[in-house]
């Protein structure tokens, strides 16, 4: 775990994440008039106010997981600002997302059981997960690598050692 000035390789990773987000951002029309070239809106997988902050990240944690080891469902601590990046390395896995339950046992946006189900996301080695806004605060994420749980398209994934690198920014304490 590292706080403050990150090592040069982590700064290079942060710069690569910034560049990757910029390269997949697109301009889309915001109304019919814009089809004539009058108005466009930049759509990005990371909000621009987060993308241009300096530094983009100032906290890093690297975790090594052996086969069968994962991480329980959680929302990252509120001591970190919005905007979290996770790079998943070495072994494929399935990360599950589920809505945070509000007091009284209901999900934050609806009480139907359909909205509380787990949403699987397949991660190849090298996958980048970006979480901000609702995804950051209203959805838990987890990786359960117990035998028989890591399933994708009806097949159990072969597990190997997995490393994750999480980049975040600490909140300023006033």
C-alpha atoms as a PDB file:
ATOM      1  CA  UNK A   1       0.000   0.000   0.000  1.00  0.00           C
ATOM      2  CA  UNK A   2       1.345   3.406  -0.909  1.00  0.00           C
ATOM      3  CA  UNK A   3       0.033   6.893  -0.064  1.00  0.00           C
ATOM      4  CA  UNK A   4       1.184  10.266  -1.410  1.00  0.00           C
ATOM      5  CA  UNK A   5       3.768  10.332  -4.153  1.00  0.00           C
ATOM      6  CA  UNK A   6       3.440   7.140  -6.150  1.00  0.00           C
ATOM      7  CA  UNK A   7       6.408   5.222  -7.593  1.00  0.00           C
ATOM      8  CA  UNK A   8       7.281   6.009 -11.212  1.00  0.00           C
ATOM      9  CA  UNK A   9       5.722   2.779 -12.545  1.00  0.00           C
ATOM     10  CA  UNK A  10       2.423   3.657 -10.822  1.00  0.00           C
ATOM     11  CA  UNK A  11       2.513   7.181 -12.240  1.00  0.00           C
ATOM     12  CA  UNK A  12       3.061   5.654 -15.683  1.00  0.00           C
ATOM     13  CA  UNK A  13       0.067   3.366 -15.061  1.00  0.00           C
ATOM     14  CA  UNK A  14      -2.035   6.374 -13.991  1.00  0.00           C
ATOM     15  CA  UNK A  15      -0.983   8.223 -17.170  1.00  0.00           C
ATOM     16  CA  UNK A  16      -1.910   5.158 -19.252  1.00  0.00           C
ATOM     17  CA  UNK A  17      -5.353   5.016 -17.617  1.00  0.00           C
ATOM     18  CA  UNK A  18      -5.830   8.728 -18.368  1.00  0.00           C
ATOM     19  CA  UNK A  19      -4.815   8.183 -22.011  1.00  0.00           C
ATOM     20  CA  UNK A  20      -7.041   5.095 -22.349  1.00  0.00           C
ATOM     21  CA  UNK A  21     -10.070   6.996 -21.060  1.00  0.00           C
ATOM     22  CA  UNK A  22      -9.387   9.874 -23.458  1.00  0.00           C
ATOM     23  CA  UNK A  23      -8.994   7.506 -26.403  1.00  0.00           C
ATOM     24  CA  UNK A  24     -12.378   5.879 -25.808  1.00  0.00           C
ATOM     25  CA  UNK A  25     -14.259   9.119 -25.115  1.00  0.00           C
ATOM     26  CA  UNK A  26     -16.568  10.089 -27.965  1.00  0.00           C
ATOM     27  CA  UNK A  27     -18.592  13.112 -29.039  1.00  0.00           C
ATOM     28  CA  UNK A  28     -22.301  12.400 -29.354  1.00  0.00           C
ATOM     29  CA  UNK A  29     -25.145  14.678 -30.431  1.00  0.00           C
ATOM     30  CA  UNK A  30     -27.116  16.165 -27.511  1.00  0.00           C
ATOM     31  CA  UNK A  31     -30.155  17.003 -29.644  1.00  0.00           C
ATOM     32  CA  UNK A  32     -31.345  16.971 -33.248  1.00  0.00           C
ATOM     33  CA  UNK A  33     -29.762  20.357 -33.982  1.00  0.00           C
ATOM     34  CA  UNK A  34     -26.367  18.901 -33.166  1.00  0.00           C
ATOM     35  CA  UNK A  35     -26.667  16.506 -36.064  1.00  0.00           C
ATOM     36  CA  UNK A  36     -25.918  19.581 -38.176  1.00  0.00           C
ATOM     37  CA  UNK A  37     -22.695  20.051 -36.213  1.00  0.00           C
ATOM     38  CA  UNK A  38     -23.960  22.714 -33.831  1.00  0.00           C
ATOM     39  CA  UNK A  39     -23.660  20.977 -30.445  1.00  0.00           C
ATOM     40  CA  UNK A  40     -21.789  17.930 -29.155  1.00  0.00           C
ATOM     41  CA  UNK A  41     -21.230  16.394 -25.751  1.00  0.00           C
ATOM     42  CA  UNK A  42     -18.147  14.409 -24.769  1.00  0.00           C
ATOM     43  CA  UNK A  43     -19.130  11.023 -23.327  1.00  0.00           C
ATOM     44  CA  UNK A  44     -16.418   9.364 -21.290  1.00  0.00           C
ATOM     45  CA  UNK A  45     -16.179   6.309 -19.023  1.00  0.00           C
ATOM     46  CA  UNK A  46     -14.730   8.639 -16.351  1.00  0.00           C
ATOM     47  CA  UNK A  47     -16.175  12.108 -15.605  1.00  0.00           C
ATOM     48  CA  UNK A  48     -14.001  14.939 -16.901  1.00  0.00           C
ATOM     49  CA  UNK A  49     -13.806  16.657 -13.496  1.00  0.00           C
ATOM     50  CA  UNK A  50     -12.138  13.509 -12.152  1.00  0.00           C
ATOM     51  CA  UNK A  51     -10.057  12.844 -15.241  1.00  0.00           C
ATOM     52  CA  UNK A  52      -8.306  16.217 -15.063  1.00  0.00           C
ATOM     53  CA  UNK A  53      -7.633  16.401 -11.316  1.00  0.00           C
ATOM     54  CA  UNK A  54      -4.002  16.563 -10.215  1.00  0.00           C
ATOM     55  CA  UNK A  55      -2.819  14.095  -9.296  1.00  0.00           C
ATOM     56  CA  UNK A  56      -5.334  11.717 -10.802  1.00  0.00           C
ATOM     57  CA  UNK A  57      -4.480   9.171  -8.063  1.00  0.00           C
ATOM     58  CA  UNK A  58      -2.332   9.366  -4.937  1.00  0.00           C
ATOM     59  CA  UNK A  59      -3.015   6.012  -3.282  1.00  0.00           C
ATOM     60  CA  UNK A  60      -2.154   2.569  -4.548  1.00  0.00           C
ATOM     61  CA  UNK A  61      -2.756  -0.893  -3.211  1.00  0.00           C
ATOM     62  CA  UNK A  62      -1.508  -4.070  -4.868  1.00  0.00           C
ATOM     63  CA  UNK A  63      -3.093  -7.340  -3.781  1.00  0.00           C
ATOM     64  CA  UNK A  64      -1.920 -10.849  -4.601  1.00  0.00           C
ATOM     65  CA  UNK A  65      -4.629 -13.522  -4.594  1.00  0.00           C
ATOM     66  CA  UNK A  66      -3.903 -17.242  -4.802  1.00  0.00           C
ATOM     67  CA  UNK A  67      -6.466 -19.634  -6.353  1.00  0.00           C
ATOM     68  CA  UNK A  68      -9.541 -19.706  -4.122  1.00  0.00           C
ATOM     69  CA  UNK A  69      -8.800 -16.290  -2.584  1.00  0.00           C
ATOM     70  CA  UNK A  70     -10.965 -13.294  -3.402  1.00  0.00           C
ATOM     71  CA  UNK A  71     -12.474 -10.234  -1.800  1.00  0.00           C
ATOM     72  CA  UNK A  72     -15.882  -9.909  -0.149  1.00  0.00           C
ATOM     73  CA  UNK A  73     -18.584  -7.507  -1.322  1.00  0.00           C
ATOM     74  CA  UNK A  74     -17.771  -3.911  -0.401  1.00  0.00           C
ATOM     75  CA  UNK A  75     -17.896  -0.262  -1.363  1.00  0.00           C
ATOM     76  CA  UNK A  76     -14.482   1.387  -1.105  1.00  0.00           C
ATOM     77  CA  UNK A  77     -14.032   3.520   2.000  1.00  0.00           C
ATOM     78  CA  UNK A  78     -15.350   7.077   2.013  1.00  0.00           C
ATOM     79  CA  UNK A  79     -11.859   8.329   2.892  1.00  0.00           C
ATOM     80  CA  UNK A  80     -11.238   8.101  -0.857  1.00  0.00           C
ATOM     81  CA  UNK A  81     -12.633  10.556  -3.392  1.00  0.00           C
ATOM     82  CA  UNK A  82     -14.851   9.549  -6.269  1.00  0.00           C
ATOM     83  CA  UNK A  83     -13.094   7.809  -9.138  1.00  0.00           C
ATOM     84  CA  UNK A  84     -11.398   4.462  -8.601  1.00  0.00           C
ATOM     85  CA  UNK A  85      -9.395   2.432 -11.111  1.00  0.00           C
ATOM     86  CA  UNK A  86      -8.618  -1.263 -10.756  1.00  0.00           C
ATOM     87  CA  UNK A  87      -6.270  -3.177 -13.051  1.00  0.00           C
ATOM     88  CA  UNK A  88      -6.722  -6.952 -12.915  1.00  0.00           C
ATOM     89  CA  UNK A  89      -3.661  -9.037 -13.852  1.00  0.00           C
ATOM     90  CA  UNK A  90      -2.510 -12.634 -14.393  1.00  0.00           C
ATOM     91  CA  UNK A  91      -5.744 -14.637 -14.105  1.00  0.00           C
ATOM     92  CA  UNK A  92      -9.246 -14.220 -15.483  1.00  0.00           C
ATOM     93  CA  UNK A  93     -12.039 -13.878 -12.968  1.00  0.00           C
ATOM     94  CA  UNK A  94     -15.633 -12.756 -12.575  1.00  0.00           C
ATOM     95  CA  UNK A  95     -16.305  -9.655 -10.493  1.00  0.00           C
ATOM     96  CA  UNK A  96     -19.864  -9.346  -9.245  1.00  0.00           C
ATOM     97  CA  UNK A  97     -21.653  -6.062  -8.641  1.00  0.00           C
ATOM     98  CA  UNK A  98     -24.728  -5.745  -6.407  1.00  0.00           C
ATOM     99  CA  UNK A  99     -26.641  -2.695  -5.267  1.00  0.00           C
ATOM    100  CA  UNK A 100     -26.029  -1.387  -1.780  1.00  0.00           C
ATOM    101  CA  UNK A 101     -29.016  -1.987   0.456  1.00  0.00           C
ATOM    102  CA  UNK A 102     -30.540   1.048   2.111  1.00  0.00           C
ATOM    103  CA  UNK A 103     -31.634   0.947   5.732  1.00  0.00           C
ATOM    104  CA  UNK A 104     -34.587  -1.415   6.029  1.00  0.00           C
ATOM    105  CA  UNK A 105     -33.066  -3.937   3.612  1.00  0.00           C
ATOM    106  CA  UNK A 106     -34.157  -2.298   0.346  1.00  0.00           C
ATOM    107  CA  UNK A 107     -31.757  -1.510  -2.469  1.00  0.00           C
ATOM    108  CA  UNK A 108     -30.903   2.159  -2.885  1.00  0.00           C
ATOM    109  CA  UNK A 109     -33.052   2.606  -6.000  1.00  0.00           C
ATOM    110  CA  UNK A 110     -35.733  -0.093  -5.767  1.00  0.00           C
ATOM    111  CA  UNK A 111     -36.942  -2.800  -3.446  1.00  0.00           C
ATOM    112  CA  UNK A 112     -37.528  -5.422  -6.168  1.00  0.00           C
ATOM    113  CA  UNK A 113     -35.371  -8.516  -5.920  1.00  0.00           C
ATOM    114  CA  UNK A 114     -34.469  -8.174  -9.607  1.00  0.00           C
ATOM    115  CA  UNK A 115     -32.554  -4.985  -8.802  1.00  0.00           C
ATOM    116  CA  UNK A 116     -30.634  -6.675  -5.976  1.00  0.00           C
ATOM    117  CA  UNK A 117     -29.215  -9.501  -8.035  1.00  0.00           C
ATOM    118  CA  UNK A 118     -25.513  -9.800  -8.711  1.00  0.00           C
ATOM    119  CA  UNK A 119     -24.290  -8.535 -12.062  1.00  0.00           C
ATOM    120  CA  UNK A 120     -21.273 -10.547 -13.289  1.00  0.00           C
ATOM    121  CA  UNK A 121     -18.443  -8.832 -15.175  1.00  0.00           C
ATOM    122  CA  UNK A 122     -15.759 -10.974 -16.818  1.00  0.00           C
ATOM    123  CA  UNK A 123     -12.213  -9.692 -16.350  1.00  0.00           C
ATOM    124  CA  UNK A 124      -9.340 -10.824 -18.556  1.00  0.00           C
ATOM    125  CA  UNK A 125      -5.781 -10.243 -17.397  1.00  0.00           C
ATOM    126  CA  UNK A 126      -5.149  -6.570 -18.104  1.00  0.00           C
ATOM    127  CA  UNK A 127      -8.779  -5.505 -17.666  1.00  0.00           C
ATOM    128  CA  UNK A 128      -9.388  -2.007 -16.339  1.00  0.00           C
ATOM    129  CA  UNK A 129     -12.370  -1.268 -14.110  1.00  0.00           C
ATOM    130  CA  UNK A 130     -13.333   2.380 -13.603  1.00  0.00           C
ATOM    131  CA  UNK A 131     -15.859   3.246 -10.913  1.00  0.00           C
ATOM    132  CA  UNK A 132     -17.346   6.669 -10.286  1.00  0.00           C
ATOM    133  CA  UNK A 133     -20.652   8.176  -9.262  1.00  0.00           C
ATOM    134  CA  UNK A 134     -23.391   5.603  -8.767  1.00  0.00           C
ATOM    135  CA  UNK A 135     -21.042   2.698  -9.557  1.00  0.00           C
ATOM    136  CA  UNK A 136     -18.627   3.946  -6.896  1.00  0.00           C
ATOM    137  CA  UNK A 137     -21.125   4.698  -4.117  1.00  0.00           C
ATOM    138  CA  UNK A 138     -24.260   2.644  -4.752  1.00  0.00           C
ATOM    139  CA  UNK A 139     -22.860  -0.688  -5.950  1.00  0.00           C
ATOM    140  CA  UNK A 140     -20.735  -3.189  -4.042  1.00  0.00           C
ATOM    141  CA  UNK A 141     -18.125  -5.207  -5.906  1.00  0.00           C
ATOM    142  CA  UNK A 142     -16.667  -8.603  -5.002  1.00  0.00           C
ATOM    143  CA  UNK A 143     -14.672 -11.499  -6.373  1.00  0.00           C
ATOM    144  CA  UNK A 144     -15.590 -14.859  -4.889  1.00  0.00           C
ATOM    145  CA  UNK A 145     -13.014 -17.399  -6.067  1.00  0.00           C
ATOM    146  CA  UNK A 146     -14.284 -20.349  -4.057  1.00  0.00           C
ATOM    147  CA  UNK A 147     -14.433 -23.570  -6.103  1.00  0.00           C
ATOM    148  CA  UNK A 148     -17.549 -23.708  -8.274  1.00  0.00           C
ATOM    149  CA  UNK A 149     -18.293 -19.974  -8.028  1.00  0.00           C
ATOM    150  CA  UNK A 150     -16.080 -18.561 -10.794  1.00  0.00           C
ATOM    151  CA  UNK A 151     -18.374 -19.425 -13.696  1.00  0.00           C
ATOM    152  CA  UNK A 152     -18.616 -17.735 -17.086  1.00  0.00           C
ATOM    153  CA  UNK A 153     -20.877 -18.839 -19.936  1.00  0.00           C
ATOM    154  CA  UNK A 154     -21.503 -22.150 -18.182  1.00  0.00           C
ATOM    155  CA  UNK A 155     -17.844 -23.006 -17.649  1.00  0.00           C
ATOM    156  CA  UNK A 156     -15.785 -22.807 -14.478  1.00  0.00           C
ATOM    157  CA  UNK A 157     -12.741 -20.584 -14.891  1.00  0.00           C
ATOM    158  CA  UNK A 158      -9.326 -22.101 -14.301  1.00  0.00           C
ATOM    159  CA  UNK A 159      -7.813 -20.113 -11.487  1.00  0.00           C
ATOM    160  CA  UNK A 160      -4.231 -19.025 -11.192  1.00  0.00           C
ATOM    161  CA  UNK A 161      -2.567 -16.366  -9.097  1.00  0.00           C
ATOM    162  CA  UNK A 162      -4.300 -13.011  -9.617  1.00  0.00           C
ATOM    163  CA  UNK A 163      -2.898  -9.570  -8.860  1.00  0.00           C
ATOM    164  CA  UNK A 164      -4.997  -6.443  -8.634  1.00  0.00           C
ATOM    165  CA  UNK A 165      -3.728  -2.885  -8.571  1.00  0.00           C
ATOM    166  CA  UNK A 166      -6.189  -0.326  -7.226  1.00  0.00           C
ATOM    167  CA  UNK A 167      -5.598   3.395  -7.688  1.00  0.00           C
ATOM    168  CA  UNK A 168      -7.567   5.975  -5.709  1.00  0.00           C
ATOM    169  CA  UNK A 169      -7.280   9.534  -4.435  1.00  0.00           C
ATOM    170  CA  UNK A 170      -7.452  10.375  -0.734  1.00  0.00           C
ATOM    171  CA  UNK A 171      -9.994  12.966   0.355  1.00  0.00           C
ATOM    172  CA  UNK A 172      -8.493  16.214   1.593  1.00  0.00           C
ATOM    173  CA  UNK A 173      -8.967  16.624   5.320  1.00  0.00           C
ATOM    174  CA  UNK A 174      -9.725  20.198   6.289  1.00  0.00           C
END
